[in-house]
Protein backbone atom coordinates (compact mmCIF):
# COMPACT_ATOMS: atom_id res chain seq x y z
CA UNK A 1 15.94 27.74 -10.24
CA UNK A 2 14.62 25.12 -12.96
CA UNK A 3 13.44 21.94 -11.45
CA UNK A 4 16.25 19.77 -12.66
CA UNK A 5 18.66 21.25 -9.86
CA UNK A 6 20.34 18.80 -7.18
CA UNK A 7 19.03 20.18 -3.79
CA UNK A 8 20.89 19.43 -0.35
CA UNK A 9 19.00 19.37 2.77
CA UNK A 10 20.35 19.38 6.19
CA UNK A 11 18.95 18.76 9.53
CA UNK A 12 21.76 16.63 11.92
CA UNK A 13 19.43 16.07 14.73
CA UNK A 14 17.27 14.89 16.48
CA UNK A 15 15.18 12.29 15.42
CA UNK A 16 11.90 14.51 16.04
CA UNK A 17 12.93 17.56 14.26
CA UNK A 18 14.33 15.29 11.09
CA UNK A 19 10.63 14.13 10.74
CA UNK A 20 9.22 17.86 11.50
CA UNK A 21 11.06 18.63 7.96
CA UNK A 22 9.03 16.12 5.98
CA UNK A 23 6.65 18.77 4.92
CA UNK A 24 8.59 20.87 3.61
CA UNK A 25 10.40 18.18 1.62
CA UNK A 26 7.22 17.60 -0.01
CA UNK A 27 6.95 21.00 -0.67
CA UNK A 28 10.38 21.11 -2.59
CA UNK A 29 9.38 18.02 -4.33
CA UNK A 30 6.11 19.92 -5.54
CA UNK A 31 8.06 22.93 -6.86
CA UNK A 32 11.57 20.59 -7.83
CA UNK A 33 9.57 17.00 -9.20
CA UNK A 34 12.79 16.31 -11.59
CA UNK A 35 15.38 17.48 -8.64
CA UNK A 36 18.00 14.95 -7.40
CA UNK A 37 17.51 15.26 -3.74
CA UNK A 38 20.03 14.49 -1.06
CA UNK A 39 20.14 15.17 2.46
CA UNK A 40 22.42 15.62 5.19
CA UNK A 41 21.96 14.08 8.95
CA UNK A 42 23.69 12.65 11.45
CA UNK A 43 25.50 9.41 11.09
CA UNK A 44 22.98 7.80 14.30
CA UNK A 45 19.64 8.83 12.35
CA UNK A 46 20.73 8.38 8.55
CA UNK A 47 18.23 4.79 8.92
CA UNK A 48 15.47 7.14 9.17
CA UNK A 49 15.84 9.25 5.85
CA UNK A 50 14.81 5.58 4.38
CA UNK A 51 11.31 6.75 5.21
CA UNK A 52 11.53 10.02 3.22
CA UNK A 53 10.40 9.09 -0.11
CA UNK A 54 11.56 12.05 -1.91
CA UNK A 55 15.12 12.04 -0.72
CA UNK A 56 17.32 10.40 -3.12
CA UNK A 57 20.51 9.79 -1.17
CA UNK A 58 21.96 10.14 2.18
CA UNK A 59 24.93 11.98 3.46
CA UNK A 60 26.27 10.55 6.58
CA UNK A 61 28.21 13.11 9.36
CA UNK A 62 30.01 11.09 12.39
CA UNK A 63 29.42 13.71 15.14
CA UNK A 64 30.79 11.07 17.35
CA UNK A 65 34.04 11.52 15.97
CA UNK A 66 33.90 15.24 17.57
CA UNK A 67 32.20 13.53 20.83
CA UNK A 68 35.33 11.53 21.30
CA UNK A 69 37.71 13.94 20.20
CA UNK A 70 39.72 12.03 17.67
CA UNK A 71 41.41 14.74 16.07
CA UNK A 72 43.14 12.78 13.28
CA UNK A 73 39.51 11.10 12.48
CA UNK A 74 37.63 14.44 13.10
CA UNK A 75 39.94 16.14 10.32
CA UNK A 76 39.98 13.07 8.06
CA UNK A 77 36.30 12.72 8.29
CA UNK A 78 35.59 16.71 7.87
CA UNK A 79 37.63 16.61 5.08
CA UNK A 80 35.61 13.82 3.30
CA UNK A 81 32.21 15.49 3.89
CA UNK A 82 33.31 18.32 2.77
CA UNK A 83 34.16 17.36 -0.50
CA UNK A 84 31.35 15.16 -0.86
CA UNK A 85 29.43 18.77 -0.56
CA UNK A 86 31.37 19.81 -2.86
CA UNK A 87 31.56 17.68 -5.42
CA UNK A 88 27.73 17.14 -5.13
CA UNK A 89 27.80 20.96 -6.83
CA UNK A 90 24.22 21.52 -5.61
CA UNK A 91 22.43 24.72 -6.59
CA UNK A 92 20.17 24.94 -3.50
CA UNK A 93 21.27 23.99 0.16
CA UNK A 94 18.48 23.92 2.46
CA UNK A 95 19.30 24.25 6.06
CA UNK A 96 16.94 23.74 8.72
CA UNK A 97 18.59 23.38 11.75
CA UNK A 98 20.79 26.78 11.59
CA UNK A 99 23.43 25.93 14.01
CA UNK A 100 26.93 27.45 13.65
CA UNK A 101 28.10 23.69 12.42
CA UNK A 102 25.35 23.45 9.80
CA UNK A 103 25.54 27.53 8.49
CA UNK A 104 29.06 26.55 8.01
CA UNK A 105 28.66 22.89 6.17
CA UNK A 106 25.89 25.28 4.11
CA UNK A 107 28.45 27.67 3.05
CA UNK A 108 31.39 25.54 2.35
CA UNK A 109 29.13 23.64 -0.51
CA UNK A 110 29.56 26.95 -2.59
CA UNK A 111 25.94 26.75 -3.64
CA UNK A 112 24.82 29.69 -5.36
CA UNK A 113 21.47 29.55 -3.87
CA UNK A 114 21.46 28.87 -0.03
CA UNK A 115 18.58 29.15 2.84
CA UNK A 116 18.71 28.85 6.13
CA UNK A 117 17.08 29.22 9.65
CA UNK A 118 18.48 32.36 11.37
CA UNK A 119 18.73 31.45 15.12
CA UNK A 120 21.35 34.29 15.69
CA UNK A 121 21.98 37.46 13.42
CA UNK A 122 25.60 36.64 13.31
CA UNK A 123 25.09 33.22 11.08
CA UNK A 124 23.26 35.19 8.63
CA UNK A 125 26.26 35.46 6.38
CA UNK A 126 26.38 31.82 5.84
CA UNK A 127 23.07 32.23 3.52
CA UNK A 128 21.89 33.68 0.78
CA UNK A 129 18.22 34.20 2.01
CA UNK A 130 18.01 33.75 6.05
CA UNK A 131 14.65 34.24 7.37
CA UNK A 132 14.78 34.72 11.68
CA UNK A 133 13.23 31.88 12.80
CA UNK A 134 9.85 32.10 14.45
CA UNK A 135 9.60 29.54 17.51
CA UNK A 136 6.06 30.49 18.39
CA UNK A 137 4.79 27.77 15.42
CA UNK A 138 4.97 24.47 15.38
CA UNK A 139 8.77 23.50 13.61
CA UNK A 140 7.31 21.66 10.85
CA UNK A 141 5.00 25.04 10.19
CA UNK A 142 8.37 27.19 10.21
CA UNK A 143 10.44 25.15 7.89
CA UNK A 144 7.41 25.28 5.23
CA UNK A 145 7.32 29.33 6.24
CA UNK A 146 11.33 28.70 5.61
CA UNK A 147 10.80 27.91 1.79
CA UNK A 148 7.41 30.29 1.53
CA UNK A 149 9.52 33.36 2.44
CA UNK A 150 12.83 31.93 0.60
CA UNK A 151 10.28 32.57 -2.86
CA UNK A 152 8.68 28.50 -2.88
CA UNK A 153 5.29 28.21 -4.35
CA UNK A 154 2.44 27.07 -1.40
CA UNK A 155 0.67 24.23 -1.59
CA UNK A 156 -0.84 21.07 -0.48
CA UNK A 157 0.80 20.13 3.48
CA UNK A 158 1.69 16.59 3.41
CA UNK A 159 3.78 14.74 6.36
CA UNK A 160 3.91 11.39 4.98
CA UNK A 161 6.59 8.86 5.98
CA UNK A 162 6.73 5.91 3.95
CA UNK A 163 8.12 2.65 5.91
CA UNK A 164 10.11 0.42 3.67
CA UNK A 165 8.72 -2.97 3.37
CA UNK A 166 11.60 -5.32 5.01
CA UNK A 167 10.82 -2.81 8.14
CA UNK A 168 7.07 -4.20 8.10
CA UNK A 169 8.45 -7.52 7.68
CA UNK A 170 10.94 -7.65 10.77
CA UNK A 171 7.93 -5.87 12.62
CA UNK A 172 5.58 -8.90 11.65
CA UNK A 173 8.67 -11.23 12.55
CA UNK A 174 8.70 -9.66 16.00
CA UNK A 175 5.25 -10.24 16.31
CA UNK A 176 5.51 -13.86 15.41
CA UNK A 177 8.46 -14.48 18.14
CA UNK A 178 6.56 -12.89 20.76
CA UNK A 179 3.29 -14.70 19.98
CA UNK A 180 1.59 -11.90 18.97
CA UNK A 181 -1.44 -11.86 16.42
CA UNK A 182 -1.21 -8.86 14.05
CA UNK A 183 -5.41 -8.87 13.51
CA UNK A 184 -5.83 -8.37 16.89
CA UNK A 185 -5.96 -5.21 18.38
CA UNK A 186 -2.69 -3.95 19.82
CA UNK A 187 -1.90 -0.90 22.35
CA UNK A 188 1.78 -0.17 21.53
CA UNK A 189 3.50 2.02 24.88
CA UNK A 190 6.99 4.13 24.60
CA UNK A 191 7.18 5.38 28.25
CA UNK A 192 10.86 7.11 27.96
CA UNK A 193 11.69 10.42 25.89
CA UNK A 194 15.05 12.19 25.84
CA UNK A 195 14.53 13.90 29.02
CA UNK A 196 13.21 12.49 32.22
CA UNK A 197 11.00 15.95 33.07
CA UNK A 198 9.37 15.04 29.93
CA UNK A 199 8.55 11.25 31.20
CA UNK A 200 5.25 9.94 32.49
CA UNK A 201 5.62 7.75 35.36
CA UNK A 202 6.19 4.09 34.15
CA UNK A 203 3.92 2.84 36.74
CA UNK A 204 1.38 5.02 35.06
CA UNK A 205 1.69 3.17 31.74
CA UNK A 206 1.87 -0.13 33.85
CA UNK A 207 -1.46 0.52 35.41
CA UNK A 208 -2.78 1.47 31.71
CA UNK A 209 -1.21 -1.57 30.07
CA UNK A 210 -2.90 -3.62 32.85
CA UNK A 211 -6.29 -1.62 32.13
CA UNK A 212 -6.56 -2.34 28.81
CA UNK A 213 -4.86 -5.44 29.03
CA UNK A 214 -7.82 -7.03 30.66
CA UNK A 215 -10.09 -5.58 27.72
CA UNK A 216 -8.42 -7.67 25.66
CA UNK A 217 -5.90 -5.90 23.71
CA UNK A 218 -2.32 -7.02 23.50
CA UNK A 219 0.36 -4.63 24.95
CA UNK A 220 3.86 -3.94 23.48
CA UNK A 221 6.15 -1.67 25.66
CA UNK A 222 9.00 -0.15 23.53
CA UNK A 223 11.84 1.97 24.06
CA UNK A 224 15.55 2.25 22.65
CA UNK A 225 18.64 -0.26 23.81
CA UNK A 226 19.16 2.16 27.11
CA UNK A 227 15.46 1.53 28.34
CA UNK A 228 16.03 -1.94 28.23
CA UNK A 229 16.64 -2.42 32.28
CA UNK A 230 14.31 0.59 33.32
CA UNK A 231 11.36 -1.72 31.34
CA UNK A 232 12.57 -4.49 33.15
CA UNK A 233 9.14 -4.08 35.73
CA UNK A 234 6.82 -4.70 32.36
CA UNK A 235 8.62 -7.53 31.18
CA UNK A 236 7.84 -9.35 35.08
CA UNK A 237 4.20 -8.35 34.46
CA UNK A 238 4.37 -10.42 31.38
CA UNK A 239 4.23 -7.48 28.48
CA UNK A 240 5.99 -7.78 25.73
CA UNK A 241 9.20 -5.66 25.59
CA UNK A 242 10.84 -4.76 22.24
CA UNK A 243 13.40 -2.25 23.70
CA UNK A 244 16.81 -2.05 21.26
CA UNK A 245 15.45 -3.10 17.95
CA UNK A 246 15.85 -0.98 15.18
CA UNK A 247 14.04 2.45 14.90
CA UNK A 248 12.69 1.04 11.50
CA UNK A 249 11.55 -1.87 13.45
CA UNK A 250 9.79 0.23 16.21
CA UNK A 251 8.46 1.82 13.31
CA UNK A 252 7.11 -1.93 12.19
CA UNK A 253 5.69 -2.39 14.99
CA UNK A 254 3.72 0.81 15.82
CA UNK A 255 2.37 0.59 12.29
CA UNK A 256 1.35 -2.85 13.34
CA UNK A 257 -0.28 -1.40 16.60
CA UNK A 258 -3.89 0.01 16.73
CA UNK A 259 -2.76 2.90 19.09
CA UNK A 260 0.58 4.31 20.41
CA UNK A 261 0.85 6.43 23.44
CA UNK A 262 3.87 8.28 24.70
CA UNK A 263 5.56 11.36 25.23
CA UNK A 264 7.32 14.02 23.08
CA UNK A 265 9.55 11.90 21.95
CA UNK A 266 10.31 11.35 18.35
CA UNK A 267 8.84 7.90 18.25
CA UNK A 268 5.55 9.16 18.64
CA UNK A 269 6.05 11.69 15.98
CA UNK A 270 7.25 9.24 13.62
CA UNK A 271 3.95 7.25 14.10
CA UNK A 272 2.18 10.66 13.40
CA UNK A 273 4.14 10.74 10.13
CA UNK A 274 2.82 7.33 9.42
CA UNK A 275 -0.37 8.18 9.86
CA UNK A 276 -1.07 6.20 13.18
CA UNK A 277 -3.41 6.93 15.86
CA UNK A 278 -1.67 8.38 18.91
CA UNK A 279 -2.31 9.70 22.52
CA UNK A 280 0.43 12.02 23.54
CA UNK A 281 1.07 12.44 27.71
CA UNK A 282 2.46 15.84 27.87
CA UNK A 283 2.90 19.09 30.15
CA UNK A 284 2.17 21.64 27.44
CA UNK A 285 0.34 21.96 24.16
CA UNK A 286 3.36 24.27 23.21
CA UNK A 287 3.99 24.05 19.35
CA UNK A 288 6.76 21.54 18.79
CA UNK A 289 5.46 19.19 21.84
CA UNK A 290 2.10 18.19 20.57
CA UNK A 291 1.15 16.22 17.51
CA UNK A 292 1.82 17.57 14.24
CA UNK A 293 -1.56 18.81 12.84
CA UNK A 294 -3.47 17.32 15.80
CA UNK A 295 -3.17 18.86 19.19
CA UNK A 296 -6.09 17.52 20.41
CA UNK A 297 -4.23 13.84 20.43
CA UNK A 298 -2.10 15.43 23.77
CA UNK A 299 -3.19 15.01 27.08
CA UNK A 300 -1.83 17.31 29.56
CA UNK A 301 -1.92 17.72 33.22
CA UNK A 302 -4.05 19.84 35.25
CA UNK A 303 -3.48 23.89 36.76
CA UNK A 304 -0.29 23.15 34.63
CA UNK A 305 1.67 20.18 36.77
CA UNK A 306 4.43 18.71 35.71
CA UNK A 307 3.42 15.83 33.15
CA UNK A 308 3.54 13.30 35.97
CA UNK A 309 0.87 14.84 37.71
CA UNK A 310 -1.52 13.23 34.66
CA UNK A 311 -3.97 11.56 36.11
CA UNK A 312 -3.80 7.76 34.72
CA UNK A 313 -7.59 7.92 34.27
CA UNK A 314 -7.40 11.01 32.14
CA UNK A 315 -5.25 8.65 29.50
CA UNK A 316 -7.35 5.76 29.99
CA UNK A 317 -10.10 8.44 28.57
CA UNK A 318 -8.49 9.42 25.62
CA UNK A 319 -7.28 5.85 24.63
CA UNK A 320 -10.91 4.95 24.70
CA UNK A 321 -12.23 8.27 22.77
CA UNK A 322 -9.16 7.14 20.31
CA UNK A 323 -10.01 3.31 19.93
CA UNK A 324 -13.48 4.67 19.18
CA UNK A 325 -12.53 7.17 16.51
CA UNK A 326 -10.27 4.66 14.82
CA UNK A 327 -13.28 2.60 14.33
CA UNK A 328 -14.40 -0.95 14.49
CA UNK A 329 -16.61 -3.34 15.89
CA UNK A 330 -14.25 -5.15 18.44
CA UNK A 331 -12.70 -1.02 19.14
CA UNK A 332 -16.08 -0.06 19.71
CA UNK A 333 -16.95 -2.37 22.11
CA UNK A 334 -13.54 -2.19 23.86
CA UNK A 335 -13.79 1.76 23.95
CA UNK A 336 -17.57 1.10 25.99
CA UNK A 337 -15.86 -1.08 28.43
CA UNK A 338 -13.77 2.04 29.89
């Protein structure tokens, strides 16, 4: 393959798993510096691709239509997307997801080179090269391994999300509206994940927020639209609650914050990809759960307990160590007061 080819990447969901393709996207760009790179993803996740500097085009699949079982709309949209993929005349398609629907989409492109992550042997027919998925390593490392096993040259590992400037400006507006000072140390808290069993209790986050607010940090509680009601106790205690703002505005708020704390959720993995220091409260150190490249940033409970068993004091200590590592006279002083 020449480096002037057209490449299609596929990962429909979820935010964290899409972000785990970033190092592989950089690896593809290193190997094909002049290629036009497109990325097929679910419509609801398409905005996150704005931070993938190496991607030239985003193609969105409206999976909500399938969930609503609107047969005519499904048929029309599927036909439209299929035609678009065929018109793309891609020379290489990489299916990072490896599900039945993505395997079919890969095959429908008609690309001469089709690489995919194979979970089940019966899906391997869709690919010209289909290494078997290795769940023992971090998903981001697997995506790189997939490319290597398909013949790409090795190189440095980069995990870099480039936040658009308008998202930073939107976050600055939020700071102004909430009377926050971007120059002051700020703690961003993301209490909720996609699964209740991964959530550290809200009362623990409130205790953590009270501790650090008493030491001069500004506090922001973040989340999705569905978290607004659940975060009402944080609002009642006088904390800023940003739940429901667009994902890239959330990214901007984390970018402006000093430290980000939360569970195993795409928002925290996004912070890591932006180069932010995080403290991730999780129930294990399995690959894919801990921050990519920084397993030491994870805090786990003792004796393999559920994540709710993690002590507030352990998270306070981890935050103090993170603030000290970030540096600066003010942060060092704050860290020493724990």
